[in-house]
């Protein structure tokens, strides 16, 4: 069941993709590796529409 919708989902996808993309450019790519892993979390939860932390705390950004 989806618990991430609307603007929350869009921000996760765009923000995660932006930070992930930044980890592949520039002279310090090796030092930015942890940021790529961190950026993958909102990207994946946005694409799936489900966040495990939201489930634990009973929060939903979807209506109904």
N, C-alpha and C. Protein backbone atom coordinates (compact mmCIF):
# COMPACT_ATOMS: atom_id res chain seq x y z
N UNK A 1 0.83 -1.17 0.00
CA UNK A 1 0.00 0.00 0.00
C UNK A 1 0.89 1.25 0.00
N UNK A 2 0.60 2.17 -0.89
CA UNK A 2 1.41 3.38 -1.02
C UNK A 2 1.20 4.31 0.17
N UNK A 3 2.29 4.87 0.67
CA UNK A 3 2.19 5.87 1.73
C UNK A 3 2.96 7.14 1.37
N UNK A 4 3.49 7.21 0.15
CA UNK A 4 4.19 8.40 -0.34
C UNK A 4 3.54 8.81 -1.65
N UNK A 5 2.93 9.99 -1.68
CA UNK A 5 2.21 10.44 -2.88
C UNK A 5 2.42 11.94 -3.08
N UNK A 6 1.99 12.41 -4.23
CA UNK A 6 1.96 13.83 -4.53
C UNK A 6 3.31 14.50 -4.53
N UNK A 7 3.34 15.68 -3.92
CA UNK A 7 4.55 16.50 -3.91
C UNK A 7 5.68 15.81 -3.15
N UNK A 8 5.34 15.06 -2.11
CA UNK A 8 6.34 14.31 -1.35
C UNK A 8 7.08 13.34 -2.26
N UNK A 9 6.34 12.64 -3.08
CA UNK A 9 6.94 11.67 -4.00
C UNK A 9 7.80 12.37 -5.05
N UNK A 10 7.31 13.47 -5.60
CA UNK A 10 8.05 14.21 -6.62
C UNK A 10 9.36 14.77 -6.06
N UNK A 11 9.30 15.31 -4.86
CA UNK A 11 10.52 15.86 -4.24
C UNK A 11 11.54 14.76 -3.97
N UNK A 12 11.08 13.61 -3.54
CA UNK A 12 11.99 12.49 -3.29
C UNK A 12 12.69 12.05 -4.59
N UNK A 13 11.91 11.93 -5.66
CA UNK A 13 12.47 11.46 -6.93
C UNK A 13 13.45 12.48 -7.50
N UNK A 14 13.03 13.75 -7.57
CA UNK A 14 13.89 14.78 -8.15
C UNK A 14 15.13 15.01 -7.29
N UNK A 15 14.94 15.12 -5.99
CA UNK A 15 16.07 15.35 -5.09
C UNK A 15 17.06 14.19 -5.08
N UNK A 16 16.53 12.98 -5.00
CA UNK A 16 17.39 11.80 -5.00
C UNK A 16 18.16 11.66 -6.30
N UNK A 17 17.48 11.91 -7.43
CA UNK A 17 18.15 11.82 -8.73
C UNK A 17 19.21 12.90 -8.88
N UNK A 18 18.93 14.09 -8.38
CA UNK A 18 19.89 15.19 -8.48
C UNK A 18 21.16 14.90 -7.68
N UNK A 19 21.00 14.48 -6.45
CA UNK A 19 22.17 14.19 -5.61
C UNK A 19 22.93 12.98 -6.15
N UNK A 20 22.20 11.98 -6.61
CA UNK A 20 22.84 10.80 -7.19
C UNK A 20 23.63 11.18 -8.44
N UNK A 21 23.07 12.04 -9.26
CA UNK A 21 23.77 12.49 -10.46
C UNK A 21 25.03 13.27 -10.13
N UNK A 22 24.99 14.06 -9.09
CA UNK A 22 26.17 14.84 -8.69
C UNK A 22 27.31 13.96 -8.20
N UNK A 23 27.01 12.76 -7.75
CA UNK A 23 28.08 11.88 -7.27
C UNK A 23 28.92 11.31 -8.41
N UNK A 24 28.43 11.43 -9.65
CA UNK A 24 29.15 10.87 -10.79
C UNK A 24 29.93 11.91 -11.59
N UNK A 25 29.91 13.16 -11.16
CA UNK A 25 30.64 14.21 -11.88
C UNK A 25 31.60 14.91 -10.93
N UNK A 26 32.60 15.50 -11.49
CA UNK A 26 33.55 16.26 -10.68
C UNK A 26 34.80 15.48 -10.33
N UNK A 27 35.77 16.19 -9.80
CA UNK A 27 37.07 15.57 -9.50
C UNK A 27 37.08 14.71 -8.24
N UNK A 28 36.06 14.82 -7.41
CA UNK A 28 36.06 14.10 -6.13
C UNK A 28 35.01 12.99 -6.10
N UNK A 29 34.89 12.27 -7.20
CA UNK A 29 33.87 11.23 -7.32
C UNK A 29 34.02 10.18 -6.22
N UNK A 30 35.21 9.75 -5.92
CA UNK A 30 35.42 8.70 -4.92
C UNK A 30 34.99 9.14 -3.53
N UNK A 31 35.17 10.41 -3.20
CA UNK A 31 34.77 10.88 -1.86
C UNK A 31 33.28 11.13 -1.77
N UNK A 32 32.59 11.19 -2.89
CA UNK A 32 31.15 11.42 -2.88
C UNK A 32 30.35 10.13 -2.88
N UNK A 33 31.01 8.99 -2.89
CA UNK A 33 30.33 7.69 -2.92
C UNK A 33 29.28 7.54 -1.83
N UNK A 34 29.55 7.91 -0.58
CA UNK A 34 28.51 7.77 0.46
C UNK A 34 27.26 8.59 0.14
N UNK A 35 27.42 9.74 -0.50
CA UNK A 35 26.25 10.56 -0.85
C UNK A 35 25.40 9.84 -1.89
N UNK A 36 26.02 9.06 -2.75
CA UNK A 36 25.26 8.29 -3.72
C UNK A 36 24.38 7.25 -3.05
N UNK A 37 24.91 6.62 -2.02
CA UNK A 37 24.11 5.65 -1.27
C UNK A 37 22.98 6.33 -0.52
N UNK A 38 23.27 7.48 0.06
CA UNK A 38 22.25 8.23 0.78
C UNK A 38 21.17 8.71 -0.18
N UNK A 39 21.56 9.16 -1.36
CA UNK A 39 20.59 9.67 -2.34
C UNK A 39 19.71 8.56 -2.90
N UNK A 40 20.19 7.34 -2.88
CA UNK A 40 19.41 6.23 -3.41
C UNK A 40 18.16 5.96 -2.56
N UNK A 41 18.21 6.27 -1.29
CA UNK A 41 17.07 6.01 -0.40
C UNK A 41 15.84 6.81 -0.81
N UNK A 42 15.90 8.15 -0.88
CA UNK A 42 14.70 8.87 -1.30
C UNK A 42 14.30 8.57 -2.74
N UNK A 43 15.27 8.32 -3.59
CA UNK A 43 14.95 8.00 -4.98
C UNK A 43 14.13 6.70 -5.06
N UNK A 44 14.58 5.67 -4.39
CA UNK A 44 13.89 4.38 -4.42
C UNK A 44 12.53 4.47 -3.73
N UNK A 45 12.46 5.13 -2.58
CA UNK A 45 11.17 5.23 -1.89
C UNK A 45 10.19 6.07 -2.71
N UNK A 46 10.68 7.08 -3.41
CA UNK A 46 9.80 7.86 -4.28
C UNK A 46 9.30 7.07 -5.46
N UNK A 47 10.17 6.29 -6.07
CA UNK A 47 9.77 5.47 -7.21
C UNK A 47 8.80 4.36 -6.79
N UNK A 48 9.01 3.78 -5.63
CA UNK A 48 8.14 2.72 -5.15
C UNK A 48 6.83 3.27 -4.60
N UNK A 49 6.86 4.49 -4.07
CA UNK A 49 5.67 5.06 -3.45
C UNK A 49 5.43 4.54 -2.05
N UNK A 50 6.45 3.96 -1.46
CA UNK A 50 6.34 3.39 -0.12
C UNK A 50 7.60 3.67 0.66
N UNK A 51 7.43 4.15 1.89
CA UNK A 51 8.57 4.47 2.76
C UNK A 51 8.45 3.65 4.04
N UNK A 52 9.46 2.86 4.37
CA UNK A 52 9.39 2.05 5.59
C UNK A 52 9.29 2.90 6.86
N UNK A 53 9.96 4.04 6.89
CA UNK A 53 9.89 4.90 8.08
C UNK A 53 8.48 5.44 8.27
N UNK A 54 7.81 5.79 7.18
CA UNK A 54 6.42 6.24 7.27
C UNK A 54 5.56 5.13 7.84
N UNK A 55 5.80 3.90 7.44
CA UNK A 55 5.02 2.77 7.95
C UNK A 55 5.22 2.59 9.45
N UNK A 56 6.44 2.71 9.90
CA UNK A 56 6.75 2.54 11.33
C UNK A 56 6.03 3.58 12.17
N UNK A 57 6.03 4.85 11.69
CA UNK A 57 5.43 5.93 12.47
C UNK A 57 3.97 6.19 12.12
N UNK A 58 3.42 5.43 11.19
CA UNK A 58 2.01 5.57 10.83
C UNK A 58 1.67 6.82 10.06
N UNK A 59 2.63 7.37 9.31
CA UNK A 59 2.43 8.59 8.56
C UNK A 59 2.16 8.26 7.10
N UNK A 60 1.30 9.07 6.45
CA UNK A 60 1.02 8.91 5.03
C UNK A 60 0.90 10.27 4.39
N UNK A 61 1.47 10.45 3.21
CA UNK A 61 1.30 11.70 2.49
C UNK A 61 0.22 11.54 1.40
N UNK A 62 -0.44 10.39 1.36
CA UNK A 62 -1.51 10.13 0.40
C UNK A 62 -2.85 10.48 1.05
N UNK A 63 -3.77 10.90 0.22
CA UNK A 63 -5.12 11.17 0.72
C UNK A 63 -5.90 9.86 0.80
N UNK A 64 -6.93 9.88 1.60
CA UNK A 64 -7.90 8.79 1.81
C UNK A 64 -7.48 7.79 2.83
